[in-house]
Amino acid sequence: MKIYVAGPMRGIAEFNFPAFHAAAAWLRGKGHEVFNPAERDILATGVDISHGNETGDNLLAEVKHGFNLREALKDDLEFVCLHADAVVVLPGWEKSLGAQAEVAAARALGLHVLSYSELA
């Protein structure tokens, strides 16, 4: 399956990237194609925007690394809408406006929405 990983980032130390990377690695180990938005953010900026960002401050990532939230969410939703078979949600996704949007898009399209904590 083609899977998008959704979860909270802003306001969490290192944007919660370690959890995204762990989930993506586990899902890939099961043979799935995975879109990891943390990897997308690193590729888009050319630097790990999470490194040293102890509070998950979006403004800091924007100023220091040129991170653009609009571009990131566009890319994330594009994958969900055009490619994903499923969205796997990380703990706390309900508190994330971005993850809520990704899950809403997945549900509107009739995609599977699965909990990572129940899968792993």
C-alpha atoms as a PDB file:
ATOM      1  CA  MET A   1       0.000   0.000   0.000  1.00  0.00           C
ATOM      2  CA  LYS A   2       0.932   3.634  -0.408  1.00  0.00           C
ATOM      3  CA  ILE A   3       0.713   5.127   3.062  1.00  0.00           C
ATOM      4  CA  TYR A   4       0.834   8.698   4.328  1.00  0.00           C
ATOM      5  CA  VAL A   5       1.971   9.176   7.947  1.00  0.00           C
ATOM      6  CA  ALA A   6       0.008  11.881   9.794  1.00  0.00           C
ATOM      7  CA  GLY A   7       0.565  13.221  13.271  1.00  0.00           C
ATOM      8  CA  PRO A   8       1.365  16.207  15.426  1.00  0.00           C
ATOM      9  CA  MET A   9       4.497  18.246  14.720  1.00  0.00           C
ATOM     10  CA  ARG A  10       4.177  21.854  15.816  1.00  0.00           C
ATOM     11  CA  GLY A  11       4.714  22.445  19.509  1.00  0.00           C
ATOM     12  CA  ILE A  12       6.511  19.125  19.996  1.00  0.00           C
ATOM     13  CA  ALA A  13      10.257  18.817  20.510  1.00  0.00           C
ATOM     14  CA  GLU A  14      12.045  18.315  17.183  1.00  0.00           C
ATOM     15  CA  PHE A  15       8.629  18.492  15.478  1.00  0.00           C
ATOM     16  CA  ASN A  16       8.068  14.877  16.550  1.00  0.00           C
ATOM     17  CA  PHE A  17      10.330  13.793  13.670  1.00  0.00           C
ATOM     18  CA  PRO A  18      11.721  10.777  15.590  1.00  0.00           C
ATOM     19  CA  ALA A  19       8.201   9.303  15.816  1.00  0.00           C
ATOM     20  CA  PHE A  20       7.581   9.952  12.108  1.00  0.00           C
ATOM     21  CA  HIS A  21      10.892   8.345  11.148  1.00  0.00           C
ATOM     22  CA  ALA A  22      10.239   5.296  13.349  1.00  0.00           C
ATOM     23  CA  ALA A  23       6.746   4.793  11.918  1.00  0.00           C
ATOM     24  CA  ALA A  24       7.976   5.190   8.338  1.00  0.00           C
ATOM     25  CA  ALA A  25      10.803   2.696   8.886  1.00  0.00           C
ATOM     26  CA  TRP A  26       8.435   0.155  10.441  1.00  0.00           C
ATOM     27  CA  LEU A  27       5.886   0.529   7.631  1.00  0.00           C
ATOM     28  CA  ARG A  28       8.586   0.243   4.970  1.00  0.00           C
ATOM     29  CA  GLY A  29       9.821  -2.873   6.705  1.00  0.00           C
ATOM     30  CA  LYS A  30       6.342  -4.307   6.136  1.00  0.00           C
ATOM     31  CA  GLY A  31       6.705  -3.592   2.409  1.00  0.00           C
ATOM     32  CA  HIS A  32       4.678  -0.400   2.111  1.00  0.00           C
ATOM     33  CA  GLU A  33       5.537   2.724   0.134  1.00  0.00           C
ATOM     34  CA  VAL A  34       5.522   5.557   2.653  1.00  0.00           C
ATOM     35  CA  PHE A  35       5.237   9.326   2.410  1.00  0.00           C
ATOM     36  CA  ASN A  36       6.820  10.699   5.574  1.00  0.00           C
ATOM     37  CA  PRO A  37       6.155  14.455   5.874  1.00  0.00           C
ATOM     38  CA  ALA A  38       9.231  14.825   8.087  1.00  0.00           C
ATOM     39  CA  GLU A  39      11.384  13.548   5.233  1.00  0.00           C
ATOM     40  CA  ARG A  40       9.552  15.873   2.850  1.00  0.00           C
ATOM     41  CA  ASP A  41      10.372  18.854   5.060  1.00  0.00           C
ATOM     42  CA  ILE A  42      14.048  17.893   5.199  1.00  0.00           C
ATOM     43  CA  LEU A  43      14.244  17.425   1.427  1.00  0.00           C
ATOM     44  CA  ALA A  44      12.395  20.669   0.717  1.00  0.00           C
ATOM     45  CA  THR A  45      14.666  22.796   2.898  1.00  0.00           C
ATOM     46  CA  GLY A  46      17.886  20.839   2.431  1.00  0.00           C
ATOM     47  CA  VAL A  47      18.380  20.653   6.192  1.00  0.00           C
ATOM     48  CA  ASP A  48      16.836  18.798   9.122  1.00  0.00           C
ATOM     49  CA  ILE A  49      14.559  21.571  10.414  1.00  0.00           C
ATOM     50  CA  SER A  50      13.897  19.575  13.581  1.00  0.00           C
ATOM     51  CA  HIS A  51      17.512  19.545  14.737  1.00  0.00           C
ATOM     52  CA  GLY A  52      17.875  21.880  17.705  1.00  0.00           C
ATOM     53  CA  ASN A  53      14.221  22.935  17.645  1.00  0.00           C
ATOM     54  CA  GLU A  54      13.324  21.818  21.148  1.00  0.00           C
ATOM     55  CA  THR A  55       9.849  23.359  21.109  1.00  0.00           C
ATOM     56  CA  GLY A  56       8.736  22.531  17.565  1.00  0.00           C
ATOM     57  CA  ASP A  57       8.540  26.235  16.770  1.00  0.00           C
ATOM     58  CA  ASN A  58       7.322  26.718  13.203  1.00  0.00           C
ATOM     59  CA  LEU A  59       8.464  30.360  13.070  1.00  0.00           C
ATOM     60  CA  LEU A  60      11.991  29.337  14.055  1.00  0.00           C
ATOM     61  CA  ALA A  61      12.075  26.747  11.251  1.00  0.00           C
ATOM     62  CA  GLU A  62      10.767  29.358   8.827  1.00  0.00           C
ATOM     63  CA  VAL A  63      13.279  32.042   9.774  1.00  0.00           C
ATOM     64  CA  LYS A  64      16.291  29.776  10.240  1.00  0.00           C
ATOM     65  CA  HIS A  65      15.723  27.279   7.409  1.00  0.00           C
ATOM     66  CA  GLY A  66      13.167  28.789   5.020  1.00  0.00           C
ATOM     67  CA  PHE A  67      10.483  26.255   5.929  1.00  0.00           C
ATOM     68  CA  ASN A  68       7.134  27.099   4.312  1.00  0.00           C
ATOM     69  CA  LEU A  69       4.077  25.591   6.000  1.00  0.00           C
ATOM     70  CA  ARG A  70       1.782  26.330   3.043  1.00  0.00           C
ATOM     71  CA  GLU A  71       4.071  24.467   0.662  1.00  0.00           C
ATOM     72  CA  ALA A  72       4.445  21.585   3.104  1.00  0.00           C
ATOM     73  CA  LEU A  73       0.712  21.140   3.602  1.00  0.00           C
ATOM     74  CA  LYS A  74       0.147  21.411  -0.151  1.00  0.00           C
ATOM     75  CA  ASP A  75       2.633  18.612  -0.789  1.00  0.00           C
ATOM     76  CA  ASP A  76       1.204  16.501   2.035  1.00  0.00           C
ATOM     77  CA  LEU A  77      -2.391  16.832   0.867  1.00  0.00           C
ATOM     78  CA  GLU A  78      -1.369  16.262  -2.736  1.00  0.00           C
ATOM     79  CA  PHE A  79       0.030  12.857  -1.788  1.00  0.00           C
ATOM     80  CA  VAL A  80      -3.055  11.983   0.240  1.00  0.00           C
ATOM     81  CA  CYS A  81      -5.403  13.049  -2.557  1.00  0.00           C
ATOM     82  CA  LEU A  82      -3.529  11.659  -5.551  1.00  0.00           C
ATOM     83  CA  HIS A  83      -1.536   8.669  -4.339  1.00  0.00           C
ATOM     84  CA  ALA A  84      -2.359   7.324  -0.877  1.00  0.00           C
ATOM     85  CA  ASP A  85      -4.260   4.132  -0.219  1.00  0.00           C
ATOM     86  CA  ALA A  86      -4.235   4.802   3.516  1.00  0.00           C
ATOM     87  CA  VAL A  87      -3.286   7.308   6.193  1.00  0.00           C
ATOM     88  CA  VAL A  88      -1.630   6.026   9.341  1.00  0.00           C
ATOM     89  CA  VAL A  89      -2.038   8.357  12.307  1.00  0.00           C
ATOM     90  CA  LEU A  90       0.449   8.792  15.136  1.00  0.00           C
ATOM     91  CA  PRO A  91      -0.622   9.336  18.752  1.00  0.00           C
ATOM     92  CA  GLY A  92      -1.927  12.839  19.369  1.00  0.00           C
ATOM     93  CA  TRP A  93      -2.975  13.438  15.758  1.00  0.00           C
ATOM     94  CA  GLU A  94      -6.368  14.711  16.952  1.00  0.00           C
ATOM     95  CA  LYS A  95      -4.679  17.808  18.413  1.00  0.00           C
ATOM     96  CA  SER A  96      -2.946  18.684  15.137  1.00  0.00           C
ATOM     97  CA  LEU A  97      -4.779  20.914  12.667  1.00  0.00           C
ATOM     98  CA  GLY A  98      -2.604  19.635   9.830  1.00  0.00           C
ATOM     99  CA  ALA A  99      -3.219  15.970  10.676  1.00  0.00           C
ATOM    100  CA  GLN A 100      -6.927  16.673  11.066  1.00  0.00           C
ATOM    101  CA  ALA A 101      -6.968  18.128   7.536  1.00  0.00           C
ATOM    102  CA  GLU A 102      -5.073  15.125   6.155  1.00  0.00           C
ATOM    103  CA  VAL A 103      -7.426  12.661   7.859  1.00  0.00           C
ATOM    104  CA  ALA A 104     -10.476  14.614   6.685  1.00  0.00           C
ATOM    105  CA  ALA A 105      -9.197  14.471   3.093  1.00  0.00           C
ATOM    106  CA  ALA A 106      -8.529  10.741   3.414  1.00  0.00           C
ATOM    107  CA  ARG A 107     -12.002  10.085   4.798  1.00  0.00           C
ATOM    108  CA  ALA A 108     -13.626  12.241   2.110  1.00  0.00           C
ATOM    109  CA  LEU A 109     -11.866  10.079  -0.470  1.00  0.00           C
ATOM    110  CA  GLY A 110     -12.815   6.815   1.224  1.00  0.00           C
ATOM    111  CA  LEU A 111      -9.221   5.904   2.141  1.00  0.00           C
ATOM    112  CA  HIS A 112      -8.299   3.734   5.102  1.00  0.00           C
ATOM    113  CA  VAL A 113      -7.338   5.649   8.254  1.00  0.00           C
ATOM    114  CA  LEU A 114      -5.362   3.438  10.609  1.00  0.00           C
ATOM    115  CA  SER A 115      -3.788   4.014  14.026  1.00  0.00           C
ATOM    116  CA  TYR A 116      -0.052   3.352  14.165  1.00  0.00           C
ATOM    117  CA  SER A 117      -0.271   2.387  17.833  1.00  0.00           C
ATOM    118  CA  GLU A 118      -2.743  -0.370  16.922  1.00  0.00           C
ATOM    119  CA  LEU A 119      -0.631  -1.600  13.994  1.00  0.00           C
ATOM    120  CA  ALA A 120       2.793  -1.712  15.647  1.00  0.00           C
END
